[in-house]
N, C-alpha and C. Protein backbone atom coordinates (compact mmCIF):
# COMPACT_ATOMS: atom_id res chain seq x y z
N UNK A 1 -4.80 7.01 13.87
CA UNK A 1 -4.72 5.92 12.94
C UNK A 1 -3.81 4.84 13.52
N UNK A 2 -4.37 3.70 13.75
CA UNK A 2 -3.62 2.57 14.26
C UNK A 2 -3.12 1.75 13.08
N UNK A 3 -1.84 1.37 13.10
CA UNK A 3 -1.25 0.62 11.99
C UNK A 3 -2.01 -0.69 11.78
N UNK A 4 -2.36 -0.96 10.52
CA UNK A 4 -3.03 -2.22 10.20
C UNK A 4 -2.44 -2.90 8.96
N UNK A 5 -1.29 -2.40 8.50
CA UNK A 5 -0.59 -3.00 7.37
C UNK A 5 0.82 -3.36 7.85
N UNK A 6 1.19 -4.60 7.66
CA UNK A 6 2.51 -4.99 8.13
C UNK A 6 3.17 -6.05 7.27
N UNK A 7 4.45 -6.22 7.47
CA UNK A 7 5.23 -7.28 6.86
C UNK A 7 5.18 -7.36 5.35
N UNK A 8 4.83 -8.54 4.88
CA UNK A 8 4.81 -8.81 3.44
C UNK A 8 3.80 -7.90 2.74
N UNK A 9 2.68 -7.66 3.38
CA UNK A 9 1.65 -6.78 2.81
C UNK A 9 2.25 -5.40 2.51
N UNK A 10 3.02 -4.87 3.42
CA UNK A 10 3.65 -3.56 3.26
C UNK A 10 4.61 -3.57 2.08
N UNK A 11 5.46 -4.59 1.99
CA UNK A 11 6.43 -4.69 0.91
C UNK A 11 5.75 -4.80 -0.45
N UNK A 12 4.70 -5.61 -0.53
CA UNK A 12 3.97 -5.77 -1.80
C UNK A 12 3.33 -4.45 -2.22
N UNK A 13 2.75 -3.74 -1.27
CA UNK A 13 2.11 -2.46 -1.59
C UNK A 13 3.14 -1.45 -2.12
N UNK A 14 4.29 -1.37 -1.47
CA UNK A 14 5.32 -0.41 -1.90
C UNK A 14 5.85 -0.77 -3.28
N UNK A 15 6.16 -2.04 -3.50
CA UNK A 15 6.69 -2.46 -4.80
C UNK A 15 5.66 -2.25 -5.90
N UNK A 16 4.41 -2.65 -5.66
CA UNK A 16 3.36 -2.48 -6.65
C UNK A 16 3.11 -1.00 -6.94
N UNK A 17 3.09 -0.19 -5.90
CA UNK A 17 2.88 1.25 -6.09
C UNK A 17 3.99 1.89 -6.91
N UNK A 18 5.23 1.56 -6.58
CA UNK A 18 6.36 2.11 -7.35
C UNK A 18 6.34 1.63 -8.79
N UNK A 19 5.99 0.37 -8.99
CA UNK A 19 5.95 -0.18 -10.36
C UNK A 19 4.88 0.53 -11.19
N UNK A 20 3.70 0.73 -10.62
CA UNK A 20 2.63 1.41 -11.36
C UNK A 20 2.99 2.87 -11.67
N UNK A 21 3.58 3.55 -10.70
CA UNK A 21 3.97 4.95 -10.91
C UNK A 21 5.07 5.03 -11.97
N UNK A 22 6.04 4.13 -11.92
CA UNK A 22 7.11 4.11 -12.92
C UNK A 22 6.55 3.85 -14.31
N UNK A 23 5.60 2.93 -14.39
CA UNK A 23 4.97 2.60 -15.67
C UNK A 23 4.26 3.83 -16.23
N UNK A 24 3.54 4.54 -15.38
CA UNK A 24 2.80 5.71 -15.82
C UNK A 24 3.74 6.86 -16.21
N UNK A 25 4.79 7.06 -15.43
CA UNK A 25 5.66 8.21 -15.64
C UNK A 25 6.73 7.98 -16.71
N UNK A 26 7.46 6.89 -16.60
CA UNK A 26 8.62 6.68 -17.45
C UNK A 26 8.31 5.95 -18.75
N UNK A 27 7.31 5.10 -18.73
CA UNK A 27 7.06 4.26 -19.90
C UNK A 27 5.76 4.60 -20.61
N UNK A 28 5.28 5.81 -20.39
CA UNK A 28 4.08 6.30 -21.05
C UNK A 28 2.90 5.34 -20.90
N UNK A 29 2.72 4.89 -19.66
CA UNK A 29 1.60 4.00 -19.36
C UNK A 29 0.29 4.74 -19.33
N UNK A 30 -0.79 4.02 -19.12
CA UNK A 30 -2.11 4.67 -19.09
C UNK A 30 -2.28 5.56 -17.86
N UNK A 31 -3.20 6.48 -17.94
CA UNK A 31 -3.45 7.43 -16.85
C UNK A 31 -3.85 6.70 -15.58
N UNK A 32 -4.62 5.60 -15.70
CA UNK A 32 -5.08 4.88 -14.51
C UNK A 32 -3.92 4.29 -13.72
N UNK A 33 -2.74 4.16 -14.30
CA UNK A 33 -1.60 3.60 -13.57
C UNK A 33 -1.14 4.50 -12.43
N UNK A 34 -1.55 5.77 -12.45
CA UNK A 34 -1.20 6.67 -11.35
C UNK A 34 -1.90 6.26 -10.05
N UNK A 35 -2.82 5.32 -10.12
CA UNK A 35 -3.45 4.79 -8.91
C UNK A 35 -2.41 4.13 -8.01
N UNK A 36 -1.23 3.90 -8.53
CA UNK A 36 -0.13 3.35 -7.75
C UNK A 36 0.25 4.21 -6.55
N UNK A 37 -0.17 5.46 -6.56
CA UNK A 37 0.08 6.34 -5.42
C UNK A 37 -0.64 5.81 -4.18
N UNK A 38 -1.80 5.19 -4.35
CA UNK A 38 -2.58 4.70 -3.22
C UNK A 38 -1.87 3.55 -2.49
N UNK A 39 -1.49 2.46 -3.18
CA UNK A 39 -0.80 1.40 -2.44
C UNK A 39 0.56 1.86 -1.89
N UNK A 40 1.24 2.75 -2.61
CA UNK A 40 2.50 3.27 -2.10
C UNK A 40 2.29 4.03 -0.79
N UNK A 41 1.31 4.90 -0.76
CA UNK A 41 1.04 5.68 0.45
C UNK A 41 0.60 4.79 1.61
N UNK A 42 -0.29 3.84 1.35
CA UNK A 42 -0.75 2.98 2.45
C UNK A 42 0.37 2.08 2.95
N UNK A 43 1.28 1.70 2.07
CA UNK A 43 2.42 0.90 2.50
C UNK A 43 3.39 1.72 3.33
N UNK A 44 3.60 2.97 2.97
CA UNK A 44 4.55 3.82 3.70
C UNK A 44 4.02 4.26 5.06
N UNK A 45 2.72 4.48 5.18
CA UNK A 45 2.18 4.95 6.46
C UNK A 45 1.61 3.81 7.32
N UNK A 46 1.67 2.57 6.80
CA UNK A 46 1.21 1.38 7.55
C UNK A 46 -0.27 1.44 7.92
N UNK A 47 -1.07 2.13 7.14
CA UNK A 47 -2.49 2.22 7.45
C UNK A 47 -3.30 2.16 6.16
N UNK A 48 -4.31 1.31 6.15
CA UNK A 48 -5.21 1.19 5.01
C UNK A 48 -6.65 1.43 5.49
N UNK A 49 -7.29 2.49 5.02
CA UNK A 49 -8.67 2.77 5.45
C UNK A 49 -9.64 1.63 5.11
N UNK A 50 -9.46 0.98 3.98
CA UNK A 50 -10.33 -0.13 3.61
C UNK A 50 -10.20 -1.28 4.60
N UNK A 51 -8.97 -1.57 5.04
CA UNK A 51 -8.77 -2.62 6.05
C UNK A 51 -9.53 -2.28 7.33
N UNK A 52 -9.54 -1.01 7.71
CA UNK A 52 -10.28 -0.61 8.91
C UNK A 52 -11.77 -0.87 8.75
N UNK A 53 -12.30 -0.59 7.58
CA UNK A 53 -13.74 -0.78 7.33
C UNK A 53 -14.14 -2.25 7.37
N UNK A 54 -13.28 -3.13 6.85
CA UNK A 54 -13.65 -4.55 6.80
C UNK A 54 -13.04 -5.37 7.93
N UNK A 55 -12.28 -4.72 8.81
CA UNK A 55 -11.75 -5.40 10.00
C UNK A 55 -10.54 -6.28 9.77
N UNK A 56 -9.71 -5.94 8.80
CA UNK A 56 -8.50 -6.72 8.52
C UNK A 56 -7.31 -6.03 9.15
N UNK A 57 -6.38 -6.82 9.68
CA UNK A 57 -5.15 -6.30 10.27
C UNK A 57 -4.04 -7.29 9.97
N UNK A 58 -3.02 -6.87 9.20
CA UNK A 58 -1.92 -7.77 8.87
C UNK A 58 -0.67 -7.48 9.70
N UNK A 59 -0.76 -6.57 10.64
CA UNK A 59 0.37 -6.31 11.53
C UNK A 59 0.52 -7.45 12.51
N UNK A 60 1.77 -7.75 12.86
CA UNK A 60 1.97 -8.81 13.86
C UNK A 60 1.42 -8.37 15.22
N UNK A 61 1.00 -9.33 15.99
CA UNK A 61 0.45 -9.05 17.33
C UNK A 61 1.59 -8.66 18.25
N UNK A 62 1.41 -7.54 18.96
CA UNK A 62 2.42 -7.09 19.92
C UNK A 62 2.07 -7.67 21.29
N UNK A 63 2.97 -8.44 21.85
CA UNK A 63 2.75 -9.06 23.16
C UNK A 63 3.49 -8.29 24.24
N UNK A 64 2.88 -8.17 25.39
CA UNK A 64 3.50 -7.43 26.49
C UNK A 64 4.37 -8.34 27.31
């Protein structure tokens, strides 16, 4: 798995994922809010399978 999530995208995914999970767990949110696990996981591992399918890469270019 080559990293394809970077920078601001990563931060937004982690914050959104934590917010959805907190809403579901602590504030008796709807069951669908547990979907926050997905953006949290993709933000933490820097890889999004959907980005791979559609050819998106938000990681900065590494120059030699």
